[in-house]
Amino acid sequence: MSLQIAETSFPEVKIIKPQVFGDERGFFFESFNARDFARQVDVEAVFVQDNHSRSVKGVLRGLHYQIQHAQSKLVRVAEGEIFDVVVDVRRNSLSFGKWFGTTLSADNRQQLWVPSGFAHGFVVLSESAQVLYKTTDYWFPEHERCIAWNDSEIGIEWPINFVPVLAGKDRAAKRLSEAECFE
């Protein structure tokens, strides 16, 4: 597998661009290869769970993380387009409270590596989107935390001109200043 790795504003967060082989029949690419991922992303991740969500336009999921059983995630889009965001929630980090966002889509086939210590969320920009992500630990609802998507202290510039559709837990999310974070 040949990957192109693009740096982000966080050294730990990576945009991964797989090599895509296409012709008149369609396309093929390896969405994950442990050996190449470890070598090229410089991370030896052991994934234990694959998640698949489908959401309609305007749905915003996040900003989620687990305070115990912290999860790293490898995120990609199989259908549609999302704006994907990470926020550093490590209090001792020089970039605490800073964010990074990028567009992931079925067309660009890019993936986002989200290491533990970062909250993660996305908003659906297309009519619908199917998001797939691998995690390095299981989901433990009792350890899940959520930061408000529109926390003015973080100042995420979501590329939307509508009020997003939120789940109950996302409507009840805390501001970063009130949230339980990593030390």
C-alpha atoms as a PDB file:
ATOM      1  CA  MET A   1       0.000   0.000   0.000  1.00  0.00           C
ATOM      2  CA  SER A   2       1.335   3.381  -0.886  1.00  0.00           C
ATOM      3  CA  LEU A   3       0.125   6.176   1.349  1.00  0.00           C
ATOM      4  CA  GLN A   4       0.618   9.883   1.175  1.00  0.00           C
ATOM      5  CA  ILE A   5       0.660  11.401   4.645  1.00  0.00           C
ATOM      6  CA  ALA A   6      -0.330  15.040   5.027  1.00  0.00           C
ATOM      7  CA  GLU A   7       0.581  16.875   8.192  1.00  0.00           C
ATOM      8  CA  THR A   8      -1.989  18.931  10.086  1.00  0.00           C
ATOM      9  CA  SER A   9      -1.702  21.684  12.671  1.00  0.00           C
ATOM     10  CA  PHE A  10      -1.211  18.892  15.241  1.00  0.00           C
ATOM     11  CA  PRO A  11       1.855  16.658  14.756  1.00  0.00           C
ATOM     12  CA  GLU A  12      -0.106  13.665  16.091  1.00  0.00           C
ATOM     13  CA  VAL A  13      -3.117  14.085  13.760  1.00  0.00           C
ATOM     14  CA  LYS A  14      -2.590  12.945  10.168  1.00  0.00           C
ATOM     15  CA  ILE A  15      -4.488  13.021   6.901  1.00  0.00           C
ATOM     16  CA  ILE A  16      -3.933   9.773   5.053  1.00  0.00           C
ATOM     17  CA  LYS A  17      -4.328   9.565   1.295  1.00  0.00           C
ATOM     18  CA  PRO A  18      -4.321   5.992  -0.013  1.00  0.00           C
ATOM     19  CA  GLN A  19      -3.200   5.097  -3.510  1.00  0.00           C
ATOM     20  CA  VAL A  20      -6.294   4.534  -5.639  1.00  0.00           C
ATOM     21  CA  PHE A  21      -6.298   2.361  -8.749  1.00  0.00           C
ATOM     22  CA  GLY A  22      -9.101   3.227 -11.127  1.00  0.00           C
ATOM     23  CA  ASP A  23     -10.245   2.451 -14.638  1.00  0.00           C
ATOM     24  CA  GLU A  24     -13.495   2.182 -16.595  1.00  0.00           C
ATOM     25  CA  ARG A  25     -14.688  -0.563 -14.213  1.00  0.00           C
ATOM     26  CA  GLY A  26     -14.388   1.560 -11.084  1.00  0.00           C
ATOM     27  CA  PHE A  27     -11.659   1.772  -8.470  1.00  0.00           C
ATOM     28  CA  PHE A  28      -9.749  -0.203  -5.852  1.00  0.00           C
ATOM     29  CA  PHE A  29      -7.732   0.861  -2.815  1.00  0.00           C
ATOM     30  CA  GLU A  30      -6.576  -0.663   0.445  1.00  0.00           C
ATOM     31  CA  SER A  31      -8.438   1.205   3.162  1.00  0.00           C
ATOM     32  CA  PHE A  32      -6.131  -0.240   5.814  1.00  0.00           C
ATOM     33  CA  ASN A  33      -2.907  -2.223   5.942  1.00  0.00           C
ATOM     34  CA  ALA A  34      -1.372  -2.585   9.441  1.00  0.00           C
ATOM     35  CA  ARG A  35       2.222  -2.936   8.251  1.00  0.00           C
ATOM     36  CA  ASP A  36       2.144   0.117   5.988  1.00  0.00           C
ATOM     37  CA  PHE A  37       0.135   2.153   8.491  1.00  0.00           C
ATOM     38  CA  ALA A  38       2.717   1.497  11.223  1.00  0.00           C
ATOM     39  CA  ARG A  39       5.610   2.315   8.898  1.00  0.00           C
ATOM     40  CA  GLN A  40       4.213   5.387   7.152  1.00  0.00           C
ATOM     41  CA  VAL A  41       2.053   6.957   9.870  1.00  0.00           C
ATOM     42  CA  ASP A  42       4.572   5.880  12.514  1.00  0.00           C
ATOM     43  CA  VAL A  43       1.852   4.457  14.732  1.00  0.00           C
ATOM     44  CA  GLU A  44       1.366   0.843  15.754  1.00  0.00           C
ATOM     45  CA  ALA A  45      -2.368   0.774  16.320  1.00  0.00           C
ATOM     46  CA  VAL A  46      -4.304  -2.311  17.284  1.00  0.00           C
ATOM     47  CA  PHE A  47      -7.897  -1.793  16.214  1.00  0.00           C
ATOM     48  CA  VAL A  48     -10.572  -3.658  18.174  1.00  0.00           C
ATOM     49  CA  GLN A  49     -13.802  -2.198  16.827  1.00  0.00           C
ATOM     50  CA  ASP A  50     -15.137  -0.944  13.485  1.00  0.00           C
ATOM     51  CA  ASN A  51     -18.009   1.568  13.520  1.00  0.00           C
ATOM     52  CA  HIS A  52     -20.287   2.571  10.659  1.00  0.00           C
ATOM     53  CA  SER A  53     -22.755   5.452  10.827  1.00  0.00           C
ATOM     54  CA  ARG A  54     -25.141   6.887   8.287  1.00  0.00           C
ATOM     55  CA  SER A  55     -26.447  10.390   8.759  1.00  0.00           C
ATOM     56  CA  VAL A  56     -28.468  12.836   6.697  1.00  0.00           C
ATOM     57  CA  LYS A  57     -27.474  16.360   5.733  1.00  0.00           C
ATOM     58  CA  GLY A  58     -27.166  18.702   8.681  1.00  0.00           C
ATOM     59  CA  VAL A  59     -26.516  16.059  11.333  1.00  0.00           C
ATOM     60  CA  LEU A  60     -23.628  16.986  13.597  1.00  0.00           C
ATOM     61  CA  ARG A  61     -22.095  14.276  15.772  1.00  0.00           C
ATOM     62  CA  GLY A  62     -19.630  15.256  18.467  1.00  0.00           C
ATOM     63  CA  LEU A  63     -17.383  16.384  19.902  1.00  0.00           C
ATOM     64  CA  HIS A  64     -16.840  12.982  21.564  1.00  0.00           C
ATOM     65  CA  TYR A  65     -14.026  11.233  23.438  1.00  0.00           C
ATOM     66  CA  GLN A  66     -13.608   8.662  26.208  1.00  0.00           C
ATOM     67  CA  ILE A  67     -11.855   9.856  29.349  1.00  0.00           C
ATOM     68  CA  GLN A  68     -10.986   6.265  30.315  1.00  0.00           C
ATOM     69  CA  HIS A  69     -10.364   3.586  27.693  1.00  0.00           C
ATOM     70  CA  ALA A  70      -9.278   6.416  25.404  1.00  0.00           C
ATOM     71  CA  GLN A  71      -9.789   5.634  21.747  1.00  0.00           C
ATOM     72  CA  SER A  72      -7.666   6.510  18.771  1.00  0.00           C
ATOM     73  CA  LYS A  73      -9.664   6.500  15.542  1.00  0.00           C
ATOM     74  CA  LEU A  74      -9.047   6.065  11.840  1.00  0.00           C
ATOM     75  CA  VAL A  75     -11.962   7.799  10.084  1.00  0.00           C
ATOM     76  CA  ARG A  76     -13.088   7.652   6.450  1.00  0.00           C
ATOM     77  CA  VAL A  77     -16.217   8.316   4.408  1.00  0.00           C
ATOM     78  CA  ALA A  78     -17.714   5.637   2.148  1.00  0.00           C
ATOM     79  CA  GLU A  79     -20.621   7.763   0.883  1.00  0.00           C
ATOM     80  CA  GLY A  80     -21.113  11.525   0.828  1.00  0.00           C
ATOM     81  CA  GLU A  81     -19.103  14.306   2.427  1.00  0.00           C
ATOM     82  CA  ILE A  82     -18.441  15.533   5.950  1.00  0.00           C
ATOM     83  CA  PHE A  83     -16.461  18.250   7.658  1.00  0.00           C
ATOM     84  CA  ASP A  84     -14.443  16.362  10.274  1.00  0.00           C
ATOM     85  CA  VAL A  85     -13.021  18.085  13.361  1.00  0.00           C
ATOM     86  CA  VAL A  86     -10.609  17.237  16.169  1.00  0.00           C
ATOM     87  CA  VAL A  87      -9.998  19.259  19.338  1.00  0.00           C
ATOM     88  CA  ASP A  88      -7.016  18.794  21.656  1.00  0.00           C
ATOM     89  CA  VAL A  89      -8.427  17.949  25.111  1.00  0.00           C
ATOM     90  CA  ARG A  90      -5.086  17.319  26.842  1.00  0.00           C
ATOM     91  CA  ARG A  91      -4.831  20.032  29.521  1.00  0.00           C
ATOM     92  CA  ASN A  92      -1.008  19.858  29.671  1.00  0.00           C
ATOM     93  CA  SER A  93      -0.655  20.244  25.907  1.00  0.00           C
ATOM     94  CA  LEU A  94       0.514  23.526  24.384  1.00  0.00           C
ATOM     95  CA  SER A  95      -2.332  23.142  21.869  1.00  0.00           C
ATOM     96  CA  PHE A  96      -5.077  22.467  24.463  1.00  0.00           C
ATOM     97  CA  GLY A  97      -8.419  23.706  23.141  1.00  0.00           C
ATOM     98  CA  LYS A  98      -7.157  24.187  19.589  1.00  0.00           C
ATOM     99  CA  TRP A  99      -8.980  22.547  16.692  1.00  0.00           C
ATOM    100  CA  PHE A 100      -8.343  21.236  13.206  1.00  0.00           C
ATOM    101  CA  GLY A 101     -10.927  20.463  10.536  1.00  0.00           C
ATOM    102  CA  THR A 102     -10.857  18.885   7.103  1.00  0.00           C
ATOM    103  CA  THR A 103     -13.287  17.613   4.496  1.00  0.00           C
ATOM    104  CA  LEU A 104     -13.518  13.854   4.127  1.00  0.00           C
ATOM    105  CA  SER A 105     -15.561  12.417   1.301  1.00  0.00           C
ATOM    106  CA  ALA A 106     -16.186   9.334  -0.776  1.00  0.00           C
ATOM    107  CA  ASP A 107     -14.641  11.247  -3.670  1.00  0.00           C
ATOM    108  CA  ASN A 108     -11.361  12.289  -2.026  1.00  0.00           C
ATOM    109  CA  ARG A 109     -11.036   8.954  -0.119  1.00  0.00           C
ATOM    110  CA  GLN A 110      -8.893  10.639   2.518  1.00  0.00           C
ATOM    111  CA  GLN A 111      -8.750   9.299   6.045  1.00  0.00           C
ATOM    112  CA  LEU A 112      -8.125  11.108   9.303  1.00  0.00           C
ATOM    113  CA  TRP A 113      -5.980   9.641  12.093  1.00  0.00           C
ATOM    114  CA  VAL A 114      -7.370  10.906  15.418  1.00  0.00           C
ATOM    115  CA  PRO A 115      -5.125   9.885  18.323  1.00  0.00           C
ATOM    116  CA  SER A 116      -6.393   9.530  21.880  1.00  0.00           C
ATOM    117  CA  GLY A 117      -6.434  12.838  23.739  1.00  0.00           C
ATOM    118  CA  PHE A 118      -8.504  14.501  21.022  1.00  0.00           C
ATOM    119  CA  ALA A 119     -12.267  15.021  20.872  1.00  0.00           C
ATOM    120  CA  HIS A 120     -13.786  14.158  17.500  1.00  0.00           C
ATOM    121  CA  GLY A 121     -16.888  15.248  15.638  1.00  0.00           C
ATOM    122  CA  PHE A 122     -18.282  15.883  12.183  1.00  0.00           C
ATOM    123  CA  VAL A 123     -21.139  17.511  10.313  1.00  0.00           C
ATOM    124  CA  VAL A 124     -22.716  16.038   7.184  1.00  0.00           C
ATOM    125  CA  LEU A 125     -22.479  18.361   4.173  1.00  0.00           C
ATOM    126  CA  SER A 126     -23.990  16.087   1.490  1.00  0.00           C
ATOM    127  CA  GLU A 127     -27.550  14.733   1.320  1.00  0.00           C
ATOM    128  CA  SER A 128     -26.325  11.792   3.414  1.00  0.00           C
ATOM    129  CA  ALA A 129     -23.004  10.326   4.483  1.00  0.00           C
ATOM    130  CA  GLN A 130     -21.726   6.978   5.629  1.00  0.00           C
ATOM    131  CA  VAL A 131     -18.763   7.286   7.985  1.00  0.00           C
ATOM    132  CA  LEU A 132     -16.584   4.317   8.903  1.00  0.00           C
ATOM    133  CA  TYR A 133     -13.992   4.374  11.621  1.00  0.00           C
ATOM    134  CA  LYS A 134     -11.746   1.941  13.377  1.00  0.00           C
ATOM    135  CA  THR A 135     -11.062   2.371  17.111  1.00  0.00           C
ATOM    136  CA  THR A 136      -8.248   1.179  19.349  1.00  0.00           C
ATOM    137  CA  ASP A 137     -10.540   0.522  22.312  1.00  0.00           C
ATOM    138  CA  TYR A 138     -14.138  -0.480  22.817  1.00  0.00           C
ATOM    139  CA  TRP A 139     -16.995   1.929  23.435  1.00  0.00           C
ATOM    140  CA  PHE A 140     -17.688   2.457  27.127  1.00  0.00           C
ATOM    141  CA  PRO A 141     -20.705   4.791  27.421  1.00  0.00           C
ATOM    142  CA  GLU A 142     -19.930   5.538  31.070  1.00  0.00           C
ATOM    143  CA  HIS A 143     -16.571   7.012  30.051  1.00  0.00           C
ATOM    144  CA  GLU A 144     -17.789   8.950  27.030  1.00  0.00           C
ATOM    145  CA  ARG A 145     -17.562  12.735  27.264  1.00  0.00           C
ATOM    146  CA  CYS A 146     -18.913  15.390  24.935  1.00  0.00           C
ATOM    147  CA  ILE A 147     -17.864  18.980  24.339  1.00  0.00           C
ATOM    148  CA  ALA A 148     -20.276  21.486  22.803  1.00  0.00           C
ATOM    149  CA  TRP A 149     -19.827  21.755  19.052  1.00  0.00           C
ATOM    150  CA  ASN A 150     -20.287  25.533  19.240  1.00  0.00           C
ATOM    151  CA  ASP A 151     -18.137  26.331  22.289  1.00  0.00           C
ATOM    152  CA  SER A 152     -17.003  29.906  21.627  1.00  0.00           C
ATOM    153  CA  GLU A 153     -13.749  29.312  23.549  1.00  0.00           C
ATOM    154  CA  ILE A 154     -12.757  26.759  20.908  1.00  0.00           C
ATOM    155  CA  GLY A 155     -14.201  28.721  17.982  1.00  0.00           C
ATOM    156  CA  ILE A 156     -14.592  25.972  15.404  1.00  0.00           C
ATOM    157  CA  GLU A 157     -15.408  27.433  12.003  1.00  0.00           C
ATOM    158  CA  TRP A 158     -17.986  24.913  10.828  1.00  0.00           C
ATOM    159  CA  PRO A 159     -18.702  25.397   7.089  1.00  0.00           C
ATOM    160  CA  ILE A 160     -22.473  25.504   7.614  1.00  0.00           C
ATOM    161  CA  ASN A 161     -25.196  28.128   7.400  1.00  0.00           C
ATOM    162  CA  PHE A 162     -27.880  26.124   9.213  1.00  0.00           C
ATOM    163  CA  VAL A 163     -28.627  24.928  12.722  1.00  0.00           C
ATOM    164  CA  PRO A 164     -27.322  21.353  12.874  1.00  0.00           C
ATOM    165  CA  VAL A 165     -29.363  18.360  13.985  1.00  0.00           C
ATOM    166  CA  LEU A 166     -27.987  17.050  17.298  1.00  0.00           C
ATOM    167  CA  ALA A 167     -28.494  13.980  19.467  1.00  0.00           C
ATOM    168  CA  GLY A 168     -29.599  14.524  23.062  1.00  0.00           C
ATOM    169  CA  LYS A 169     -26.107  13.927  24.427  1.00  0.00           C
ATOM    170  CA  ASP A 170     -24.697  16.516  22.010  1.00  0.00           C
ATOM    171  CA  ARG A 171     -27.327  19.096  23.012  1.00  0.00           C
ATOM    172  CA  ALA A 172     -26.309  18.500  26.662  1.00  0.00           C
ATOM    173  CA  ALA A 173     -22.567  18.738  25.973  1.00  0.00           C
ATOM    174  CA  LYS A 174     -20.335  20.804  28.233  1.00  0.00           C
ATOM    175  CA  ARG A 175     -18.083  23.681  27.330  1.00  0.00           C
ATOM    176  CA  LEU A 176     -14.396  22.804  27.258  1.00  0.00           C
ATOM    177  CA  SER A 177     -13.780  24.840  30.428  1.00  0.00           C
ATOM    178  CA  GLU A 178     -16.273  22.608  32.288  1.00  0.00           C
ATOM    179  CA  ALA A 179     -15.339  19.297  30.693  1.00  0.00           C
ATOM    180  CA  GLU A 180     -13.331  16.475  32.186  1.00  0.00           C
ATOM    181  CA  CYS A 181     -10.157  16.357  30.115  1.00  0.00           C
ATOM    182  CA  PHE A 182      -6.899  14.448  29.915  1.00  0.00           C
ATOM    183  CA  GLU A 183      -3.998  15.710  32.035  1.00  0.00           C
END
